[in-house]
Amino acid sequence: MTKHQFIAGMGMGLAAGAALGMAMSGTKKREIKRAADKAIKAVGEVVENLSDNIGM
């Protein structure tokens, strides 16, 4: 495992945990759902950029 893979994995885990935590909080579900959707899209973009930079 290289350092880049570790960092990418940590970033994905952090973003997934934040999105899940927001989704489970129970306040205004519509706003949370929108924020989670945005977070998931952002994570996808970050992973894509990281994989392009790493050369995967």
PDB file of N, CA and C in Angstrom:
ATOM      1  N   MET A   1       0.846  -1.172   0.000  1.00  0.00           N
ATOM      2  CA  MET A   1       0.000   0.000   0.000  1.00  0.00           C
ATOM      3  C   MET A   1       0.893   1.237   0.000  1.00  0.00           C
ATOM      4  N   THR A   2       0.609   2.144  -0.896  1.00  0.00           N
ATOM      5  CA  THR A   2       1.414   3.357  -0.959  1.00  0.00           C
ATOM      6  C   THR A   2       0.774   4.449  -0.123  1.00  0.00           C
ATOM      7  N   LYS A   3       1.524   5.495   0.077  1.00  0.00           N
ATOM      8  CA  LYS A   3       1.042   6.614   0.881  1.00  0.00           C
ATOM      9  C   LYS A   3      -0.177   7.267   0.231  1.00  0.00           C
ATOM     10  N   HIS A   4      -0.181   7.348  -1.114  1.00  0.00           N
ATOM     11  CA  HIS A   4      -1.298   7.977  -1.815  1.00  0.00           C
ATOM     12  C   HIS A   4      -2.583   7.181  -1.638  1.00  0.00           C
ATOM     13  N   GLN A   5      -2.485   5.860  -1.679  1.00  0.00           N
ATOM     14  CA  GLN A   5      -3.670   5.026  -1.495  1.00  0.00           C
ATOM     15  C   GLN A   5      -4.212   5.186  -0.081  1.00  0.00           C
ATOM     16  N   PHE A   6      -3.331   5.273   0.890  1.00  0.00           N
ATOM     17  CA  PHE A   6      -3.748   5.462   2.274  1.00  0.00           C
ATOM     18  C   PHE A   6      -4.474   6.786   2.442  1.00  0.00           C
ATOM     19  N   ILE A   7      -3.905   7.846   1.879  1.00  0.00           N
ATOM     20  CA  ILE A   7      -4.518   9.172   1.986  1.00  0.00           C
ATOM     21  C   ILE A   7      -5.865   9.189   1.279  1.00  0.00           C
ATOM     22  N   ALA A   8      -5.951   8.569   0.108  1.00  0.00           N
ATOM     23  CA  ALA A   8      -7.221   8.510  -0.616  1.00  0.00           C
ATOM     24  C   ALA A   8      -8.255   7.738   0.195  1.00  0.00           C
ATOM     25  N   GLY A   9      -7.858   6.639   0.793  1.00  0.00           N
ATOM     26  CA  GLY A   9      -8.767   5.850   1.618  1.00  0.00           C
ATOM     27  C   GLY A   9      -9.239   6.611   2.841  1.00  0.00           C
ATOM     28  N   MET A  10      -8.326   7.315   3.475  1.00  0.00           N
ATOM     29  CA  MET A  10      -8.696   8.120   4.640  1.00  0.00           C
ATOM     30  C   MET A  10      -9.663   9.228   4.251  1.00  0.00           C
ATOM     31  N   GLY A  11      -9.415   9.873   3.118  1.00  0.00           N
ATOM     32  CA  GLY A  11     -10.305  10.938   2.653  1.00  0.00           C
ATOM     33  C   GLY A  11     -11.696  10.422   2.353  1.00  0.00           C
ATOM     34  N   MET A  12     -11.766   9.279   1.687  1.00  0.00           N
ATOM     35  CA  MET A  12     -13.073   8.694   1.374  1.00  0.00           C
ATOM     36  C   MET A  12     -13.806   8.294   2.651  1.00  0.00           C
ATOM     37  N   GLY A  13     -13.088   7.716   3.597  1.00  0.00           N
ATOM     38  CA  GLY A  13     -13.708   7.318   4.858  1.00  0.00           C
ATOM     39  C   GLY A  13     -14.199   8.510   5.657  1.00  0.00           C
ATOM     40  N   LEU A  14     -13.414   9.562   5.669  1.00  0.00           N
ATOM     41  CA  LEU A  14     -13.800  10.776   6.384  1.00  0.00           C
ATOM     42  C   LEU A  14     -15.045  11.396   5.775  1.00  0.00           C
ATOM     43  N   ALA A  15     -15.076  11.495   4.454  1.00  0.00           N
ATOM     44  CA  ALA A  15     -16.231  12.082   3.781  1.00  0.00           C
ATOM     45  C   ALA A  15     -17.471  11.209   3.956  1.00  0.00           C
ATOM     46  N   ALA A  16     -17.306   9.904   3.852  1.00  0.00           N
ATOM     47  CA  ALA A  16     -18.447   8.999   4.028  1.00  0.00           C
ATOM     48  C   ALA A  16     -18.976   9.084   5.455  1.00  0.00           C
ATOM     49  N   GLY A  17     -18.091   9.147   6.426  1.00  0.00           N
ATOM     50  CA  GLY A  17     -18.511   9.270   7.820  1.00  0.00           C
ATOM     51  C   GLY A  17     -19.232  10.577   8.095  1.00  0.00           C
ATOM     52  N   ALA A  18     -18.739  11.652   7.514  1.00  0.00           N
ATOM     53  CA  ALA A  18     -19.394  12.950   7.696  1.00  0.00           C
ATOM     54  C   ALA A  18     -20.782  12.954   7.064  1.00  0.00           C
ATOM     55  N   ALA A  19     -20.890  12.396   5.864  1.00  0.00           N
ATOM     56  CA  ALA A  19     -22.190  12.343   5.194  1.00  0.00           C
ATOM     57  C   ALA A  19     -23.161  11.473   5.981  1.00  0.00           C
ATOM     58  N   LEU A  20     -22.698  10.347   6.485  1.00  0.00           N
ATOM     59  CA  LEU A  20     -23.554   9.455   7.258  1.00  0.00           C
ATOM     60  C   LEU A  20     -23.961  10.107   8.576  1.00  0.00           C
ATOM     61  N   GLY A  21     -23.048  10.782   9.224  1.00  0.00           N
ATOM     62  CA  GLY A  21     -23.364  11.477  10.466  1.00  0.00           C
ATOM     63  C   GLY A  21     -24.405  12.559  10.266  1.00  0.00           C
ATOM     64  N   MET A  22     -24.289  13.289   9.172  1.00  0.00           N
ATOM     65  CA  MET A  22     -25.281  14.316   8.873  1.00  0.00           C
ATOM     66  C   MET A  22     -26.633  13.685   8.581  1.00  0.00           C
ATOM     67  N   ALA A  23     -26.633  12.573   7.889  1.00  0.00           N
ATOM     68  CA  ALA A  23     -27.884  11.910   7.536  1.00  0.00           C
ATOM     69  C   ALA A  23     -28.574  11.339   8.770  1.00  0.00           C
ATOM     70  N   MET A  24     -27.819  10.940   9.769  1.00  0.00           N
ATOM     71  CA  MET A  24     -28.391  10.310  10.953  1.00  0.00           C
ATOM     72  C   MET A  24     -28.776  11.315  12.036  1.00  0.00           C
ATOM     73  N   SER A  25     -28.481  12.579  11.872  1.00  0.00           N
ATOM     74  CA  SER A  25     -28.683  13.548  12.944  1.00  0.00           C
ATOM     75  C   SER A  25     -30.152  13.817  13.247  1.00  0.00           C
ATOM     76  N   GLY A  26     -31.055  13.685  12.285  1.00  0.00           N
ATOM     77  CA  GLY A  26     -32.480  13.792  12.551  1.00  0.00           C
ATOM     78  C   GLY A  26     -33.087  15.176  12.396  1.00  0.00           C
ATOM     79  N   THR A  27     -32.325  16.192  12.101  1.00  0.00           N
ATOM     80  CA  THR A  27     -32.903  17.509  11.891  1.00  0.00           C
ATOM     81  C   THR A  27     -33.212  17.693  10.416  1.00  0.00           C
ATOM     82  N   LYS A  28     -34.142  18.500  10.104  1.00  0.00           N
ATOM     83  CA  LYS A  28     -34.584  18.837   8.744  1.00  0.00           C
ATOM     84  C   LYS A  28     -34.031  17.887   7.683  1.00  0.00           C
ATOM     85  N   LYS A  29     -34.733  16.815   7.494  1.00  0.00           N
ATOM     86  CA  LYS A  29     -34.243  15.741   6.628  1.00  0.00           C
ATOM     87  C   LYS A  29     -33.957  16.204   5.207  1.00  0.00           C
ATOM     88  N   ARG A  30     -34.759  17.100   4.693  1.00  0.00           N
ATOM     89  CA  ARG A  30     -34.563  17.549   3.312  1.00  0.00           C
ATOM     90  C   ARG A  30     -33.216  18.253   3.146  1.00  0.00           C
ATOM     91  N   GLU A  31     -32.895  19.146   4.082  1.00  0.00           N
ATOM     92  CA  GLU A  31     -31.619  19.867   4.006  1.00  0.00           C
ATOM     93  C   GLU A  31     -30.436  18.914   4.179  1.00  0.00           C
ATOM     94  N   ILE A  32     -30.576  17.975   5.085  1.00  0.00           N
ATOM     95  CA  ILE A  32     -29.504  17.013   5.324  1.00  0.00           C
ATOM     96  C   ILE A  32     -29.300  16.138   4.099  1.00  0.00           C
ATOM     97  N   LYS A  33     -30.406  15.732   3.488  1.00  0.00           N
ATOM     98  CA  LYS A  33     -30.308  14.889   2.301  1.00  0.00           C
ATOM     99  C   LYS A  33     -29.593  15.636   1.175  1.00  0.00           C
ATOM    100  N   ARG A  34     -29.909  16.906   1.006  1.00  0.00           N
ATOM    101  CA  ARG A  34     -29.230  17.707  -0.022  1.00  0.00           C
ATOM    102  C   ARG A  34     -27.743  17.827   0.278  1.00  0.00           C
ATOM    103  N   ALA A  35     -27.422  18.084   1.541  1.00  0.00           N
ATOM    104  CA  ALA A  35     -26.015  18.214   1.922  1.00  0.00           C
ATOM    105  C   ALA A  35     -25.271  16.895   1.718  1.00  0.00           C
ATOM    106  N   ALA A  36     -25.923  15.790   2.051  1.00  0.00           N
ATOM    107  CA  ALA A  36     -25.289  14.482   1.860  1.00  0.00           C
ATOM    108  C   ALA A  36     -25.069  14.206   0.378  1.00  0.00           C
ATOM    109  N   ASP A  37     -26.035  14.559  -0.455  1.00  0.00           N
ATOM    110  CA  ASP A  37     -25.872  14.379  -1.900  1.00  0.00           C
ATOM    111  C   ASP A  37     -24.694  15.192  -2.422  1.00  0.00           C
ATOM    112  N   LYS A  38     -24.586  16.435  -1.956  1.00  0.00           N
ATOM    113  CA  LYS A  38     -23.463  17.279  -2.371  1.00  0.00           C
ATOM    114  C   LYS A  38     -22.137  16.685  -1.892  1.00  0.00           C
ATOM    115  N   ALA A  39     -22.129  16.174  -0.660  1.00  0.00           N
ATOM    116  CA  ALA A  39     -20.902  15.584  -0.121  1.00  0.00           C
ATOM    117  C   ALA A  39     -20.489  14.355  -0.920  1.00  0.00           C
ATOM    118  N   ILE A  40     -21.460  13.534  -1.282  1.00  0.00           N
ATOM    119  CA  ILE A  40     -21.158  12.328  -2.056  1.00  0.00           C
ATOM    120  C   ILE A  40     -20.609  12.696  -3.428  1.00  0.00           C
ATOM    121  N   LYS A  41     -21.205  13.705  -4.054  1.00  0.00           N
ATOM    122  CA  LYS A  41     -20.701  14.150  -5.356  1.00  0.00           C
ATOM    123  C   LYS A  41     -19.285  14.705  -5.224  1.00  0.00           C
ATOM    124  N   ALA A  42     -19.043  15.467  -4.154  1.00  0.00           N
ATOM    125  CA  ALA A  42     -17.714  16.037  -3.932  1.00  0.00           C
ATOM    126  C   ALA A  42     -16.684  14.937  -3.703  1.00  0.00           C
ATOM    127  N   VAL A  43     -17.058  13.908  -2.952  1.00  0.00           N
ATOM    128  CA  VAL A  43     -16.149  12.788  -2.706  1.00  0.00           C
ATOM    129  C   VAL A  43     -15.815  12.098  -4.019  1.00  0.00           C
ATOM    130  N   GLY A  44     -16.818  11.922  -4.865  1.00  0.00           N
ATOM    131  CA  GLY A  44     -16.577  11.302  -6.166  1.00  0.00           C
ATOM    132  C   GLY A  44     -15.582  12.090  -6.991  1.00  0.00           C
ATOM    133  N   GLU A  45     -15.721  13.403  -6.971  1.00  0.00           N
ATOM    134  CA  GLU A  45     -14.797  14.255  -7.720  1.00  0.00           C
ATOM    135  C   GLU A  45     -13.386  14.179  -7.140  1.00  0.00           C
ATOM    136  N   VAL A  46     -13.291  14.176  -5.814  1.00  0.00           N
ATOM    137  CA  VAL A  46     -11.983  14.103  -5.163  1.00  0.00           C
ATOM    138  C   VAL A  46     -11.296  12.784  -5.500  1.00  0.00           C
ATOM    139  N   VAL A  47     -12.047  11.692  -5.417  1.00  0.00           N
ATOM    140  CA  VAL A  47     -11.476  10.381  -5.726  1.00  0.00           C
ATOM    141  C   VAL A  47     -11.025  10.328  -7.176  1.00  0.00           C
ATOM    142  N   GLU A  48     -11.837  10.878  -8.064  1.00  0.00           N
ATOM    143  CA  GLU A  48     -11.469  10.895  -9.484  1.00  0.00           C
ATOM    144  C   GLU A  48     -10.195  11.698  -9.710  1.00  0.00           C
ATOM    145  N   ASN A  49     -10.106  12.867  -9.083  1.00  0.00           N
ATOM    146  CA  ASN A  49      -8.910  13.696  -9.225  1.00  0.00           C
ATOM    147  C   ASN A  49      -7.681  13.006  -8.641  1.00  0.00           C
ATOM    148  N   LEU A  50      -7.838  12.381  -7.478  1.00  0.00           N
ATOM    149  CA  LEU A  50      -6.710  11.675  -6.873  1.00  0.00           C
ATOM    150  C   LEU A  50      -6.246  10.521  -7.746  1.00  0.00           C
ATOM    151  N   SER A  51      -7.193   9.762  -8.263  1.00  0.00           N
ATOM    152  CA  SER A  51      -6.802   8.621  -9.092  1.00  0.00           C
ATOM    153  C   SER A  51      -6.142   9.084 -10.386  1.00  0.00           C
ATOM    154  N   ASP A  52      -6.596  10.206 -10.940  1.00  0.00           N
ATOM    155  CA  ASP A  52      -5.941  10.750 -12.131  1.00  0.00           C
ATOM    156  C   ASP A  52      -4.513  11.194 -11.817  1.00  0.00           C
ATOM    157  N   ASN A  53      -4.331  11.847 -10.670  1.00  0.00           N
ATOM    158  CA  ASN A  53      -3.001  12.321 -10.289  1.00  0.00           C
ATOM    159  C   ASN A  53      -2.057  11.176  -9.957  1.00  0.00           C
ATOM    160  N   ILE A  54      -2.588  10.125  -9.363  1.00  0.00           N
ATOM    161  CA  ILE A  54      -1.763   8.970  -9.013  1.00  0.00           C
ATOM    162  C   ILE A  54      -1.443   8.162 -10.259  1.00  0.00           C
ATOM    163  N   GLY A  55      -2.363   8.163 -11.204  1.00  0.00           N
ATOM    164  CA  GLY A  55      -2.158   7.423 -12.443  1.00  0.00           C
ATOM    165  C   GLY A  55      -2.811   6.055 -12.423  1.00  0.00           C
ATOM    166  N   MET A  56      -3.907   5.948 -11.728  1.00  0.00           N
ATOM    167  CA  MET A  56      -4.601   4.658 -11.640  1.00  0.00           C
ATOM    168  C   MET A  56      -5.543   4.478 -12.799  1.00  0.00           C
TER     169      MET A  56
END
